[in-house]
Amino acid sequence: MGLLAAIAVNVLGGAVIYGTGGLGAAWVAPMLGFGSSGIAAGSTAAAAQAYYGNVAAGSIISTLTSVAMAAPTP
């Protein structure tokens, strides 16, 4: 599950971040499990982070986390 979650986060997140200049990241991040308080337990984002372990600054996961924490989500 971790590898598939990592692929999903990287493909979807990367497409939104790099394909739209980050404009759609605030809508896609919550769908993957990134929220205003961090990564939701049991989500796709949590499985991806568990697969990677520590993530580097500037990575897709860290970018989606910072976008979700800065953007107000319902």
N, C-alpha and C. Protein backbone atom coordinates (compact mmCIF):
# COMPACT_ATOMS: atom_id res chain seq x y z
N MET A 1 0.82 -1.20 0.00
CA MET A 1 0.00 0.00 0.00
C MET A 1 0.86 1.26 0.00
N GLY A 2 1.98 1.23 0.70
CA GLY A 2 2.83 2.41 0.79
C GLY A 2 3.39 2.86 -0.54
N LEU A 3 3.84 1.91 -1.34
CA LEU A 3 4.40 2.26 -2.65
C LEU A 3 3.32 2.85 -3.55
N LEU A 4 2.14 2.25 -3.56
CA LEU A 4 1.05 2.77 -4.39
C LEU A 4 0.61 4.15 -3.92
N ALA A 5 0.57 4.36 -2.61
CA ALA A 5 0.22 5.68 -2.08
C ALA A 5 1.27 6.71 -2.44
N ALA A 6 2.53 6.33 -2.37
CA ALA A 6 3.61 7.25 -2.74
C ALA A 6 3.54 7.62 -4.22
N ILE A 7 3.22 6.65 -5.05
CA ILE A 7 3.08 6.93 -6.48
C ILE A 7 1.89 7.87 -6.71
N ALA A 8 0.77 7.60 -6.05
CA ALA A 8 -0.42 8.44 -6.21
C ALA A 8 -0.16 9.87 -5.78
N VAL A 9 0.47 10.05 -4.62
CA VAL A 9 0.76 11.40 -4.12
C VAL A 9 1.73 12.11 -5.06
N ASN A 10 2.74 11.42 -5.52
CA ASN A 10 3.72 12.06 -6.40
C ASN A 10 3.15 12.39 -7.77
N VAL A 11 2.35 11.50 -8.33
CA VAL A 11 1.79 11.75 -9.66
C VAL A 11 0.74 12.86 -9.60
N LEU A 12 -0.24 12.70 -8.70
CA LEU A 12 -1.30 13.71 -8.60
C LEU A 12 -0.77 15.04 -8.06
N GLY A 13 -0.01 14.96 -7.00
CA GLY A 13 0.55 16.19 -6.42
C GLY A 13 1.51 16.88 -7.36
N GLY A 14 2.37 16.11 -8.00
CA GLY A 14 3.31 16.70 -8.95
C GLY A 14 2.62 17.34 -10.13
N ALA A 15 1.57 16.69 -10.64
CA ALA A 15 0.83 17.26 -11.77
C ALA A 15 0.18 18.58 -11.38
N VAL A 16 -0.35 18.65 -10.17
CA VAL A 16 -1.00 19.88 -9.73
C VAL A 16 0.02 20.97 -9.43
N ILE A 17 1.08 20.62 -8.75
CA ILE A 17 2.08 21.62 -8.38
C ILE A 17 2.80 22.16 -9.61
N TYR A 18 3.27 21.26 -10.46
CA TYR A 18 4.07 21.70 -11.60
C TYR A 18 3.23 22.01 -12.84
N GLY A 19 2.09 21.37 -12.98
CA GLY A 19 1.26 21.58 -14.16
C GLY A 19 0.41 22.84 -14.09
N THR A 20 0.02 23.23 -12.88
CA THR A 20 -0.84 24.42 -12.73
C THR A 20 -0.12 25.54 -12.00
N GLY A 21 1.14 25.36 -11.74
CA GLY A 21 1.87 26.38 -10.99
C GLY A 21 1.45 26.43 -9.53
N GLY A 22 0.87 25.35 -9.03
CA GLY A 22 0.45 25.27 -7.65
C GLY A 22 -0.93 25.81 -7.38
N LEU A 23 -1.61 26.31 -8.41
CA LEU A 23 -2.92 26.93 -8.19
C LEU A 23 -3.98 25.94 -7.72
N GLY A 24 -3.90 24.70 -8.13
CA GLY A 24 -4.89 23.71 -7.74
C GLY A 24 -4.50 22.90 -6.52
N ALA A 25 -3.36 23.17 -5.95
CA ALA A 25 -2.87 22.35 -4.84
C ALA A 25 -3.76 22.45 -3.61
N ALA A 26 -4.37 23.58 -3.37
CA ALA A 26 -5.23 23.75 -2.20
C ALA A 26 -6.49 22.88 -2.30
N TRP A 27 -6.89 22.49 -3.51
CA TRP A 27 -8.06 21.62 -3.68
C TRP A 27 -7.68 20.16 -3.69
N VAL A 28 -6.52 19.83 -4.22
CA VAL A 28 -6.12 18.43 -4.33
C VAL A 28 -5.52 17.90 -3.03
N ALA A 29 -4.81 18.74 -2.30
CA ALA A 29 -4.14 18.30 -1.07
C ALA A 29 -5.12 17.66 -0.07
N PRO A 30 -6.27 18.27 0.23
CA PRO A 30 -7.19 17.62 1.17
C PRO A 30 -7.74 16.28 0.66
N MET A 31 -7.86 16.13 -0.64
CA MET A 31 -8.35 14.86 -1.20
C MET A 31 -7.36 13.72 -0.96
N LEU A 32 -6.08 14.06 -0.85
CA LEU A 32 -5.05 13.05 -0.61
C LEU A 32 -4.80 12.82 0.88
N GLY A 33 -5.33 13.69 1.73
CA GLY A 33 -5.16 13.51 3.17
C GLY A 33 -4.32 14.58 3.85
N PHE A 34 -4.00 15.64 3.14
CA PHE A 34 -3.27 16.76 3.73
C PHE A 34 -4.30 17.75 4.25
N GLY A 35 -4.14 18.21 5.49
CA GLY A 35 -5.11 19.13 6.06
C GLY A 35 -4.46 20.28 6.79
N SER A 36 -5.30 21.11 7.38
CA SER A 36 -4.79 22.30 8.05
C SER A 36 -4.01 21.97 9.32
N SER A 37 -4.17 20.76 9.85
CA SER A 37 -3.40 20.36 11.03
C SER A 37 -2.32 19.34 10.70
N GLY A 38 -2.06 19.13 9.41
CA GLY A 38 -1.02 18.20 9.00
C GLY A 38 -1.61 17.04 8.20
N ILE A 39 -0.93 15.93 8.20
CA ILE A 39 -1.36 14.76 7.44
C ILE A 39 -2.32 13.94 8.30
N ALA A 40 -3.48 13.62 7.72
CA ALA A 40 -4.51 12.86 8.44
C ALA A 40 -4.11 11.39 8.58
N ALA A 41 -4.35 10.84 9.75
CA ALA A 41 -4.05 9.44 10.00
C ALA A 41 -4.90 8.55 9.11
N GLY A 42 -4.30 7.51 8.56
CA GLY A 42 -5.01 6.55 7.74
C GLY A 42 -5.26 7.00 6.31
N SER A 43 -4.75 8.15 5.92
CA SER A 43 -4.98 8.68 4.58
C SER A 43 -3.91 8.20 3.61
N THR A 44 -4.13 8.52 2.35
CA THR A 44 -3.14 8.20 1.32
C THR A 44 -1.83 8.93 1.61
N ALA A 45 -1.93 10.17 2.06
CA ALA A 45 -0.74 10.94 2.39
C ALA A 45 0.04 10.30 3.54
N ALA A 46 -0.68 9.76 4.52
CA ALA A 46 -0.02 9.10 5.65
C ALA A 46 0.71 7.84 5.19
N ALA A 47 0.09 7.08 4.30
CA ALA A 47 0.74 5.88 3.79
C ALA A 47 1.98 6.23 2.97
N ALA A 48 1.90 7.32 2.21
CA ALA A 48 3.05 7.75 1.42
C ALA A 48 4.18 8.21 2.32
N GLN A 49 3.87 8.96 3.37
CA GLN A 49 4.92 9.43 4.27
C GLN A 49 5.52 8.26 5.04
N ALA A 50 4.71 7.29 5.42
CA ALA A 50 5.23 6.10 6.10
C ALA A 50 6.17 5.33 5.18
N TYR A 51 5.86 5.30 3.91
CA TYR A 51 6.73 4.62 2.95
C TYR A 51 8.07 5.34 2.82
N TYR A 52 8.04 6.67 2.74
CA TYR A 52 9.27 7.45 2.56
C TYR A 52 10.06 7.64 3.86
N GLY A 53 9.38 7.74 4.97
CA GLY A 53 10.05 8.09 6.22
C GLY A 53 10.20 9.60 6.29
N ASN A 54 11.38 10.07 6.60
CA ASN A 54 11.62 11.52 6.64
C ASN A 54 11.63 12.05 5.21
N VAL A 55 10.91 13.15 5.00
CA VAL A 55 10.86 13.75 3.67
C VAL A 55 11.71 15.02 3.65
N ALA A 56 12.27 15.29 2.50
CA ALA A 56 13.14 16.46 2.35
C ALA A 56 12.32 17.72 2.12
N ALA A 57 12.87 18.84 2.55
CA ALA A 57 12.24 20.13 2.29
C ALA A 57 12.20 20.35 0.78
N GLY A 58 11.07 20.86 0.30
CA GLY A 58 10.92 21.11 -1.12
C GLY A 58 10.37 19.93 -1.91
N SER A 59 10.15 18.79 -1.24
CA SER A 59 9.59 17.63 -1.93
C SER A 59 8.09 17.84 -2.16
N ILE A 60 7.50 16.99 -2.94
CA ILE A 60 6.07 17.11 -3.23
C ILE A 60 5.25 16.96 -1.96
N ILE A 61 5.61 16.01 -1.11
CA ILE A 61 4.87 15.82 0.14
C ILE A 61 4.99 17.04 1.04
N SER A 62 6.17 17.59 1.18
CA SER A 62 6.32 18.77 2.05
C SER A 62 5.63 20.00 1.45
N THR A 63 5.63 20.12 0.14
CA THR A 63 4.95 21.23 -0.50
C THR A 63 3.44 21.12 -0.31
N LEU A 64 2.87 19.93 -0.50
CA LEU A 64 1.44 19.75 -0.29
C LEU A 64 1.05 19.96 1.17
N THR A 65 1.91 19.54 2.08
CA THR A 65 1.64 19.77 3.50
C THR A 65 1.60 21.25 3.82
N SER A 66 2.56 22.00 3.32
CA SER A 66 2.59 23.43 3.63
C SER A 66 1.44 24.17 2.97
N VAL A 67 1.06 23.76 1.76
CA VAL A 67 -0.08 24.40 1.09
C VAL A 67 -1.36 24.12 1.87
N ALA A 68 -1.56 22.87 2.29
CA ALA A 68 -2.78 22.53 3.02
C ALA A 68 -2.83 23.20 4.37
N MET A 69 -1.70 23.36 5.03
CA MET A 69 -1.70 24.01 6.35
C MET A 69 -1.91 25.51 6.25
N ALA A 70 -1.56 26.10 5.12
CA ALA A 70 -1.72 27.54 4.94
C ALA A 70 -3.10 27.89 4.39
N ALA A 71 -3.70 26.98 3.62
CA ALA A 71 -4.99 27.27 2.99
C ALA A 71 -6.12 26.84 3.93
N PRO A 72 -7.14 27.65 4.05
CA PRO A 72 -8.29 27.23 4.87
C PRO A 72 -9.06 26.12 4.15
N THR A 73 -9.26 25.02 4.84
CA THR A 73 -10.00 23.90 4.26
C THR A 73 -11.26 23.66 5.08
N PRO A 74 -12.32 23.25 4.42
CA PRO A 74 -13.58 23.03 5.14
C PRO A 74 -13.51 21.84 6.06
